[in-house]
N, C-alpha and C. Protein backbone atom coordinates (compact mmCIF):
# COMPACT_ATOMS: atom_id res chain seq x y z
N MET A 1 -41.01 -1.91 -11.93
CA MET A 1 -41.93 -1.00 -12.36
C MET A 1 -42.00 0.15 -11.27
N ARG A 2 -41.94 1.24 -11.65
CA ARG A 2 -41.65 2.42 -10.74
C ARG A 2 -43.09 3.21 -10.79
N TYR A 3 -43.59 3.79 -9.82
CA TYR A 3 -44.81 4.74 -9.94
C TYR A 3 -44.37 5.83 -9.24
N SER A 4 -45.03 6.77 -9.84
CA SER A 4 -44.79 8.28 -9.26
C SER A 4 -45.84 8.66 -8.41
N VAL A 5 -45.62 9.22 -7.23
CA VAL A 5 -46.52 9.70 -6.25
C VAL A 5 -47.31 10.82 -6.53
N LEU A 6 -46.56 11.68 -7.51
CA LEU A 6 -47.18 13.03 -7.74
C LEU A 6 -48.56 12.98 -8.40
N PRO A 7 -48.87 12.15 -9.38
CA PRO A 7 -50.24 12.05 -9.79
C PRO A 7 -51.40 11.91 -8.75
N LEU A 8 -50.97 11.03 -7.76
CA LEU A 8 -51.78 10.69 -6.68
C LEU A 8 -52.10 11.96 -5.92
N LEU A 9 -50.86 12.68 -5.50
CA LEU A 9 -50.99 13.76 -4.83
C LEU A 9 -51.94 15.09 -5.34
N LEU A 10 -51.65 15.02 -6.68
CA LEU A 10 -52.49 16.14 -7.47
C LEU A 10 -54.02 15.65 -7.30
N LEU A 11 -54.35 14.54 -7.56
CA LEU A 11 -55.72 14.09 -7.49
C LEU A 11 -56.35 14.22 -6.10
N SER A 12 -55.65 14.02 -4.92
CA SER A 12 -56.02 14.10 -3.59
C SER A 12 -56.10 15.41 -3.09
N MET A 13 -55.55 16.42 -3.86
CA MET A 13 -55.59 18.00 -3.27
C MET A 13 -56.99 18.61 -3.06
N PRO A 14 -57.83 18.43 -4.24
CA PRO A 14 -59.27 18.88 -3.97
C PRO A 14 -59.88 18.32 -2.68
N LEU A 15 -59.66 17.10 -2.61
CA LEU A 15 -60.27 16.64 -1.37
C LEU A 15 -59.67 17.29 -0.01
N LEU A 16 -58.39 17.19 -0.04
CA LEU A 16 -57.95 17.88 1.16
C LEU A 16 -58.22 19.22 1.42
N THR A 17 -58.17 20.07 0.37
CA THR A 17 -58.78 21.30 0.60
C THR A 17 -60.31 21.55 0.89
N MET A 18 -61.18 20.49 0.68
CA MET A 18 -62.31 20.68 0.90
C MET A 18 -62.56 20.26 2.41
N SER A 19 -61.76 19.25 2.96
CA SER A 19 -61.95 19.00 4.27
C SER A 19 -61.46 19.91 5.23
N CYS A 20 -60.60 20.87 4.74
CA CYS A 20 -59.88 21.91 5.55
C CYS A 20 -60.34 23.32 5.28
N SER A 21 -61.47 23.33 4.87
CA SER A 21 -62.09 24.72 4.40
C SER A 21 -62.08 25.61 5.56
N GLY A 22 -61.98 25.40 6.83
CA GLY A 22 -62.03 26.28 7.65
C GLY A 22 -63.40 26.56 8.39
N SER A 23 -64.35 26.05 7.92
CA SER A 23 -65.72 26.37 8.21
C SER A 23 -65.98 25.19 9.46
N SER A 24 -66.28 25.51 10.55
CA SER A 24 -66.59 24.70 11.53
C SER A 24 -68.09 24.27 11.72
N GLU A 25 -68.97 24.88 10.93
CA GLU A 25 -70.41 24.61 10.85
C GLU A 25 -70.50 23.47 9.73
N ASP A 26 -71.42 22.58 9.98
CA ASP A 26 -71.70 21.45 9.20
C ASP A 26 -73.17 21.68 8.73
N LYS A 27 -73.56 20.72 7.88
CA LYS A 27 -74.98 21.10 7.22
C LYS A 27 -76.08 20.72 8.43
N TRP A 28 -75.85 19.73 9.35
CA TRP A 28 -76.64 19.64 10.43
C TRP A 28 -76.59 20.76 11.43
N THR A 29 -75.53 21.24 11.69
CA THR A 29 -75.41 22.39 12.71
C THR A 29 -76.12 23.61 12.15
N GLU A 30 -76.16 23.83 10.85
CA GLU A 30 -76.74 25.02 10.16
C GLU A 30 -78.44 24.84 10.21
N GLN A 31 -78.88 23.56 10.11
CA GLN A 31 -80.19 23.44 10.03
C GLN A 31 -80.99 23.03 11.43
N ARG A 32 -80.17 23.38 12.55
CA ARG A 32 -80.70 23.30 13.81
C ARG A 32 -81.64 24.32 14.11
N PRO A 33 -82.75 24.06 14.80
CA PRO A 33 -83.80 25.04 15.08
C PRO A 33 -83.18 25.97 16.16
N ASP A 34 -83.67 27.33 16.17
CA ASP A 34 -83.14 28.41 17.12
C ASP A 34 -83.37 27.95 18.39
N THR A 35 -82.41 28.03 19.45
CA THR A 35 -82.92 27.80 20.98
C THR A 35 -82.85 29.20 21.39
N PHE A 36 -83.51 29.27 22.74
CA PHE A 36 -83.51 30.53 23.61
C PHE A 36 -83.15 30.01 24.90
N PRO A 37 -82.21 30.71 25.66
CA PRO A 37 -81.95 30.52 26.97
C PRO A 37 -83.22 30.39 27.89
N ALA A 38 -83.11 29.27 28.66
CA ALA A 38 -84.23 28.82 29.65
C ALA A 38 -83.68 28.22 30.78
N SER A 39 -84.32 28.60 31.97
CA SER A 39 -83.76 27.94 33.21
C SER A 39 -84.96 27.88 34.31
N GLY A 40 -84.64 27.72 35.49
CA GLY A 40 -85.72 27.56 36.57
C GLY A 40 -85.14 26.80 37.68
N ILE A 41 -86.26 26.67 38.39
CA ILE A 41 -85.93 25.82 40.04
C ILE A 41 -87.23 24.85 40.08
N VAL A 42 -86.73 23.68 40.68
CA VAL A 42 -87.77 22.73 40.95
C VAL A 42 -87.66 22.65 42.55
N THR A 43 -88.83 22.30 43.13
CA THR A 43 -88.81 22.23 44.47
C THR A 43 -89.89 21.14 44.74
N PHE A 44 -89.50 20.36 45.90
CA PHE A 44 -90.49 19.25 46.35
C PHE A 44 -90.74 19.39 47.77
N ASP A 45 -92.00 19.34 47.83
CA ASP A 45 -92.53 19.65 49.22
C ASP A 45 -91.90 20.89 49.85
N GLY A 46 -91.78 21.76 49.09
CA GLY A 46 -91.40 23.38 49.66
C GLY A 46 -90.05 23.47 49.68
N LYS A 47 -89.11 22.40 49.34
CA LYS A 47 -87.69 22.52 49.36
C LYS A 47 -87.08 22.32 47.95
N PRO A 48 -86.02 22.95 47.79
CA PRO A 48 -85.21 22.75 46.63
C PRO A 48 -84.97 21.22 46.26
N LEU A 49 -85.13 20.91 45.08
CA LEU A 49 -84.88 19.62 44.65
C LEU A 49 -83.56 19.37 43.99
N PRO A 50 -82.50 18.81 44.63
CA PRO A 50 -81.08 18.77 44.24
C PRO A 50 -81.12 17.47 43.32
N GLU A 51 -80.14 17.45 42.38
CA GLU A 51 -79.84 16.36 41.44
C GLU A 51 -81.02 15.62 40.72
N ALA A 52 -81.87 16.44 40.32
CA ALA A 52 -83.00 16.02 39.47
C ALA A 52 -82.73 16.29 38.04
N THR A 53 -83.19 15.60 37.14
CA THR A 53 -82.93 15.87 35.64
C THR A 53 -84.43 16.39 35.22
N VAL A 54 -84.41 17.48 34.32
CA VAL A 54 -85.56 18.17 34.11
C VAL A 54 -85.51 18.13 32.60
N VAL A 55 -86.65 17.77 32.02
CA VAL A 55 -86.68 17.66 30.49
C VAL A 55 -88.01 18.31 29.87
N PHE A 56 -87.70 19.27 29.02
CA PHE A 56 -88.58 19.95 28.13
C PHE A 56 -88.79 19.17 26.76
N GLN A 57 -90.00 18.55 26.52
CA GLN A 57 -90.17 18.06 25.21
C GLN A 57 -91.03 18.63 24.53
N SER A 58 -90.74 19.30 23.22
CA SER A 58 -91.55 20.15 22.42
C SER A 58 -92.70 19.46 21.83
N THR A 59 -93.92 20.12 22.13
CA THR A 59 -95.02 19.36 21.71
C THR A 59 -95.51 19.91 20.12
N GLY A 60 -94.59 20.89 19.69
CA GLY A 60 -94.87 21.54 18.34
C GLY A 60 -94.14 20.80 17.23
N GLY A 61 -93.99 21.48 16.10
CA GLY A 61 -93.31 20.95 14.95
C GLY A 61 -91.92 20.18 15.07
N GLU A 62 -91.01 20.81 15.76
CA GLU A 62 -89.66 20.35 16.07
C GLU A 62 -89.69 19.32 17.35
N PRO A 63 -89.61 18.11 17.01
CA PRO A 63 -89.49 17.02 18.08
C PRO A 63 -88.30 17.14 18.78
N GLN A 64 -87.72 18.32 19.29
CA GLN A 64 -86.54 18.38 20.05
C GLN A 64 -86.55 18.55 21.56
N ALA A 65 -85.97 17.80 22.24
CA ALA A 65 -85.89 17.79 23.76
C ALA A 65 -84.86 18.86 24.13
N ALA A 66 -84.97 19.34 25.44
CA ALA A 66 -83.88 20.19 26.09
C ALA A 66 -83.85 19.62 27.54
N VAL A 67 -82.67 19.37 27.88
CA VAL A 67 -82.32 18.71 29.23
C VAL A 67 -81.74 19.64 30.18
N GLY A 68 -81.80 19.74 31.53
CA GLY A 68 -81.13 20.26 32.63
C GLY A 68 -81.11 19.61 33.80
N ARG A 69 -79.99 19.72 34.55
CA ARG A 69 -79.79 18.94 35.95
C ARG A 69 -79.87 20.00 37.10
N THR A 70 -80.57 19.67 38.08
CA THR A 70 -80.74 20.92 39.09
C THR A 70 -79.51 20.63 39.91
N ASP A 71 -79.29 21.77 40.72
CA ASP A 71 -78.09 21.89 41.64
C ASP A 71 -78.61 21.71 42.92
N GLU A 72 -77.65 21.90 44.01
CA GLU A 72 -78.17 21.93 45.53
C GLU A 72 -79.27 22.82 45.77
N ASN A 73 -79.37 24.03 44.99
CA ASN A 73 -80.51 24.76 45.13
C ASN A 73 -81.79 24.62 44.46
N GLY A 74 -81.72 23.43 43.80
CA GLY A 74 -82.79 23.13 42.80
C GLY A 74 -82.86 23.80 41.52
N GLU A 75 -82.00 24.74 41.12
CA GLU A 75 -81.75 25.45 40.10
C GLU A 75 -81.35 24.53 38.67
N PHE A 76 -81.82 24.93 37.72
CA PHE A 76 -81.22 24.19 36.48
C PHE A 76 -81.29 25.18 35.17
N GLN A 77 -80.36 24.84 34.30
CA GLN A 77 -80.39 25.61 33.07
C GLN A 77 -80.48 24.44 31.93
N LEU A 78 -81.24 24.86 31.01
CA LEU A 78 -81.55 23.74 29.80
C LEU A 78 -80.62 23.90 28.87
N ARG A 79 -80.37 22.70 28.18
CA ARG A 79 -79.46 22.43 26.96
C ARG A 79 -80.11 21.54 26.02
N THR A 80 -80.04 22.11 24.89
CA THR A 80 -80.60 21.24 23.76
C THR A 80 -79.53 20.85 22.79
N PHE A 81 -78.61 21.79 22.30
CA PHE A 81 -77.40 21.25 21.49
C PHE A 81 -76.06 21.38 22.09
N THR A 82 -75.90 22.61 22.92
CA THR A 82 -74.66 23.02 23.49
C THR A 82 -75.06 23.34 25.00
N ASP A 83 -74.11 23.47 25.92
CA ASP A 83 -74.24 23.70 27.13
C ASP A 83 -74.96 25.28 27.36
N GLY A 84 -76.11 25.47 28.03
CA GLY A 84 -76.75 26.46 28.36
C GLY A 84 -77.38 27.12 27.07
N ASP A 85 -77.47 26.45 26.10
CA ASP A 85 -78.28 27.17 24.79
C ASP A 85 -79.90 27.24 25.04
N GLY A 86 -80.33 26.56 25.91
CA GLY A 86 -81.65 26.67 26.25
C GLY A 86 -82.55 25.67 25.50
N ALA A 87 -83.94 26.16 25.11
CA ALA A 87 -84.77 25.26 24.51
C ALA A 87 -85.40 25.84 23.25
N ILE A 88 -85.78 25.10 22.31
CA ILE A 88 -86.54 25.73 21.17
C ILE A 88 -87.91 26.44 21.62
N ALA A 89 -88.37 27.47 20.76
CA ALA A 89 -89.50 28.09 21.12
C ALA A 89 -90.91 27.33 20.95
N GLY A 90 -91.75 27.53 21.68
CA GLY A 90 -92.93 26.83 21.81
C GLY A 90 -93.47 26.09 22.89
N GLU A 91 -94.42 25.42 22.94
CA GLU A 91 -94.85 24.70 24.12
C GLU A 91 -94.19 23.45 24.35
N HIS A 92 -94.11 23.16 25.57
CA HIS A 92 -93.14 21.80 26.07
C HIS A 92 -93.99 21.18 27.23
N LYS A 93 -93.83 19.86 27.05
CA LYS A 93 -94.44 19.03 28.15
C LYS A 93 -93.21 18.80 29.16
N VAL A 94 -93.19 18.96 30.33
CA VAL A 94 -92.24 18.77 31.00
C VAL A 94 -92.14 17.69 32.09
N THR A 95 -90.88 16.84 32.07
CA THR A 95 -90.86 15.70 33.24
C THR A 95 -89.64 16.11 34.01
N VAL A 96 -89.90 15.61 35.22
CA VAL A 96 -88.82 15.58 36.19
C VAL A 96 -88.47 14.24 36.97
N VAL A 97 -87.19 13.82 36.73
CA VAL A 97 -86.68 12.59 37.25
C VAL A 97 -85.55 12.73 38.61
N CYS A 98 -85.87 12.25 39.49
CA CYS A 98 -84.94 12.27 40.78
C CYS A 98 -85.04 10.86 41.22
N SER A 99 -83.78 10.25 41.18
CA SER A 99 -83.87 8.76 41.75
C SER A 99 -82.35 8.57 42.40
N ARG A 100 -82.15 7.71 42.98
CA ARG A 100 -80.91 7.26 43.51
C ARG A 100 -80.91 5.62 43.49
N THR A 101 -79.59 5.19 43.37
CA THR A 101 -79.32 3.67 43.14
C THR A 101 -79.33 3.15 44.45
N GLU A 102 -79.88 2.06 44.79
CA GLU A 102 -79.83 1.16 45.81
C GLU A 102 -79.35 -0.08 45.61
N GLY A 103 -78.30 -0.47 46.30
CA GLY A 103 -77.64 -1.73 46.13
C GLY A 103 -77.53 -2.78 47.43
N PRO A 104 -76.85 -3.70 47.24
CA PRO A 104 -76.76 -4.61 48.44
C PRO A 104 -76.13 -3.94 49.46
N PRO A 105 -76.27 -4.44 50.84
CA PRO A 105 -75.96 -3.89 52.05
C PRO A 105 -74.51 -3.95 51.78
N GLU A 106 -73.73 -2.90 52.57
CA GLU A 106 -72.30 -2.94 52.75
C GLU A 106 -71.71 -4.25 53.34
N GLY A 107 -70.85 -4.82 52.59
CA GLY A 107 -70.30 -6.35 53.24
C GLY A 107 -70.98 -7.21 52.54
N ALA A 108 -72.01 -7.12 51.55
CA ALA A 108 -72.56 -8.34 50.89
C ALA A 108 -71.55 -8.80 50.00
N ASN A 109 -71.82 -10.29 49.64
CA ASN A 109 -70.93 -11.08 48.70
C ASN A 109 -71.61 -10.46 47.25
N LEU A 110 -70.82 -9.75 46.41
CA LEU A 110 -71.32 -9.37 45.18
C LEU A 110 -71.21 -10.47 44.20
N ASP A 111 -70.47 -11.54 44.49
CA ASP A 111 -70.55 -12.72 43.50
C ASP A 111 -71.75 -13.61 43.48
N GLU A 112 -72.59 -13.32 44.51
CA GLU A 112 -73.89 -14.06 44.68
C GLU A 112 -74.79 -13.63 43.45
N ALA A 113 -75.50 -14.66 43.06
CA ALA A 113 -76.47 -14.30 41.92
C ALA A 113 -77.88 -13.78 42.44
N ASN A 114 -78.13 -13.38 43.45
CA ASN A 114 -79.17 -12.77 44.28
C ASN A 114 -78.89 -11.31 44.54
N VAL A 115 -77.87 -10.69 44.07
CA VAL A 115 -77.64 -9.29 44.45
C VAL A 115 -78.40 -8.36 43.54
N VAL A 116 -79.13 -7.63 44.18
CA VAL A 116 -80.14 -6.72 43.61
C VAL A 116 -79.63 -5.23 43.65
N ILE A 117 -79.70 -4.54 42.43
CA ILE A 117 -79.35 -3.07 42.40
C ILE A 117 -80.44 -2.50 41.65
N GLN A 118 -81.05 -1.47 42.28
CA GLN A 118 -82.34 -0.89 41.60
C GLN A 118 -82.20 0.50 41.73
N GLU A 119 -82.93 1.28 40.72
CA GLU A 119 -83.08 2.80 40.99
C GLU A 119 -84.47 2.96 41.66
N VAL A 120 -84.42 3.90 42.65
CA VAL A 120 -85.47 4.22 43.50
C VAL A 120 -85.73 5.68 43.29
N SER A 121 -86.98 5.91 42.83
CA SER A 121 -87.53 7.17 42.66
C SER A 121 -87.73 7.97 43.77
N LEU A 122 -87.10 9.37 43.90
CA LEU A 122 -87.15 10.02 45.31
C LEU A 122 -88.31 10.96 45.24
N ILE A 123 -89.20 10.95 44.03
CA ILE A 123 -90.33 11.66 43.88
C ILE A 123 -91.42 10.91 43.22
N PRO A 124 -92.67 11.21 43.35
CA PRO A 124 -93.81 10.39 42.48
C PRO A 124 -93.59 10.23 41.16
N GLU A 125 -93.52 8.94 40.65
CA GLU A 125 -93.05 8.47 39.45
C GLU A 125 -93.73 9.20 38.41
N ARG A 126 -95.16 9.63 38.78
CA ARG A 126 -95.97 10.56 37.65
C ARG A 126 -95.20 11.67 37.02
N TYR A 127 -94.08 12.35 37.75
CA TYR A 127 -93.44 13.35 37.31
C TYR A 127 -92.66 13.05 35.97
N ALA A 128 -92.33 11.74 35.98
CA ALA A 128 -91.33 11.37 35.06
C ALA A 128 -92.13 10.93 33.69
N ASP A 129 -93.41 10.97 33.62
CA ASP A 129 -94.30 10.80 32.63
C ASP A 129 -94.74 11.85 31.96
N PRO A 130 -94.53 12.42 30.56
CA PRO A 130 -95.02 13.37 30.09
C PRO A 130 -96.77 13.53 30.22
N ALA A 131 -97.24 12.48 30.06
CA ALA A 131 -98.73 12.29 29.95
C ALA A 131 -99.41 12.67 31.32
N LYS A 132 -98.58 12.43 32.38
CA LYS A 132 -99.27 12.39 33.68
C LYS A 132 -98.58 13.42 34.75
N SER A 133 -97.40 14.03 34.22
CA SER A 133 -96.65 14.96 35.15
C SER A 133 -97.67 16.29 35.60
N GLY A 134 -98.44 16.58 34.24
CA GLY A 134 -99.03 17.88 34.50
C GLY A 134 -98.44 19.18 34.46
N LEU A 135 -97.10 18.96 34.06
CA LEU A 135 -96.17 20.07 33.83
C LEU A 135 -95.89 20.48 32.70
N THR A 136 -96.12 21.80 32.19
CA THR A 136 -95.77 22.24 30.83
C THR A 136 -94.99 23.65 31.18
N ALA A 137 -94.43 23.92 29.98
CA ALA A 137 -93.76 25.43 29.95
C ALA A 137 -93.90 25.87 28.47
N SER A 138 -93.80 27.27 28.41
CA SER A 138 -93.88 27.87 27.05
C SER A 138 -92.65 28.78 26.81
N VAL A 139 -91.77 28.35 26.13
CA VAL A 139 -90.45 29.03 25.75
C VAL A 139 -90.74 30.07 24.63
N THR A 140 -90.57 31.36 25.01
CA THR A 140 -90.88 32.42 24.11
C THR A 140 -89.63 33.33 23.82
N PRO A 141 -89.10 33.47 22.42
CA PRO A 141 -88.23 34.30 22.02
C PRO A 141 -88.26 35.73 22.63
N GLY A 142 -87.04 36.20 23.10
CA GLY A 142 -86.99 37.49 23.61
C GLY A 142 -87.60 37.76 25.07
N GLN A 143 -88.04 36.66 25.76
CA GLN A 143 -88.38 36.45 26.99
C GLN A 143 -87.47 35.98 27.88
N GLU A 144 -87.68 36.20 29.33
CA GLU A 144 -86.71 35.66 30.34
C GLU A 144 -86.64 34.11 30.17
N ASN A 145 -87.88 33.44 29.94
CA ASN A 145 -87.81 31.99 30.08
C ASN A 145 -87.33 31.44 31.35
N LYS A 146 -87.65 31.89 32.47
CA LYS A 146 -87.49 31.24 33.80
C LYS A 146 -88.64 30.69 34.43
N PHE A 147 -88.47 29.22 34.74
CA PHE A 147 -89.80 28.47 35.06
C PHE A 147 -89.51 27.95 36.58
N THR A 148 -90.51 27.87 37.25
CA THR A 148 -90.62 27.09 38.72
C THR A 148 -91.63 25.99 38.63
N PHE A 149 -91.20 25.02 39.03
CA PHE A 149 -91.98 23.88 39.26
C PHE A 149 -91.88 23.22 40.77
N HIS A 150 -93.08 23.34 41.21
CA HIS A 150 -93.48 23.03 42.79
C HIS A 150 -94.09 21.54 42.44
N LEU A 151 -93.21 20.50 43.05
CA LEU A 151 -93.53 19.27 43.04
C LEU A 151 -94.18 18.77 44.49
N ASP A 152 -95.08 17.90 44.45
CA ASP A 152 -95.59 17.36 45.96
C ASP A 152 -95.69 15.94 45.89
N LYS A 153 -95.81 15.40 46.94
CA LYS A 153 -96.08 13.99 47.35
C LYS A 153 -97.21 13.28 46.83
N GLU A 154 -98.35 14.16 46.66
CA GLU A 154 -99.60 13.60 46.07
C GLU A 154 -99.76 13.61 44.57
């Protein structure tokens, strides 16, 4: 019994042309809320805070977070969907996390069961909790949206 490949190709053509339509936008991308460039600086005890993660959590209708990482000067740029796109408009609760990993002393036997590796916060842990950080920001379309957060030990 011989089968012809031609009917199968003809049936699959609509599927191939639909998937190669040239549009890079998908339904999810088209439905994203608008974002606006937002950046800033974080200091701790009067000095720039490097390697901290800054999160803007929207308090409005769009439950969308924007995230940035501080550089050596404590400066950050927010990202919601793509690098540098910023945050959605509206009010945000802000959190800052800055920690380092501490492991066993150099030369320790890593095969032992009592090896402890832990994250240690370099700033008060309240800044990592949106209900306790006391940090807020308002992102406004058409504005500069540059924010400064001064953190302290207390």
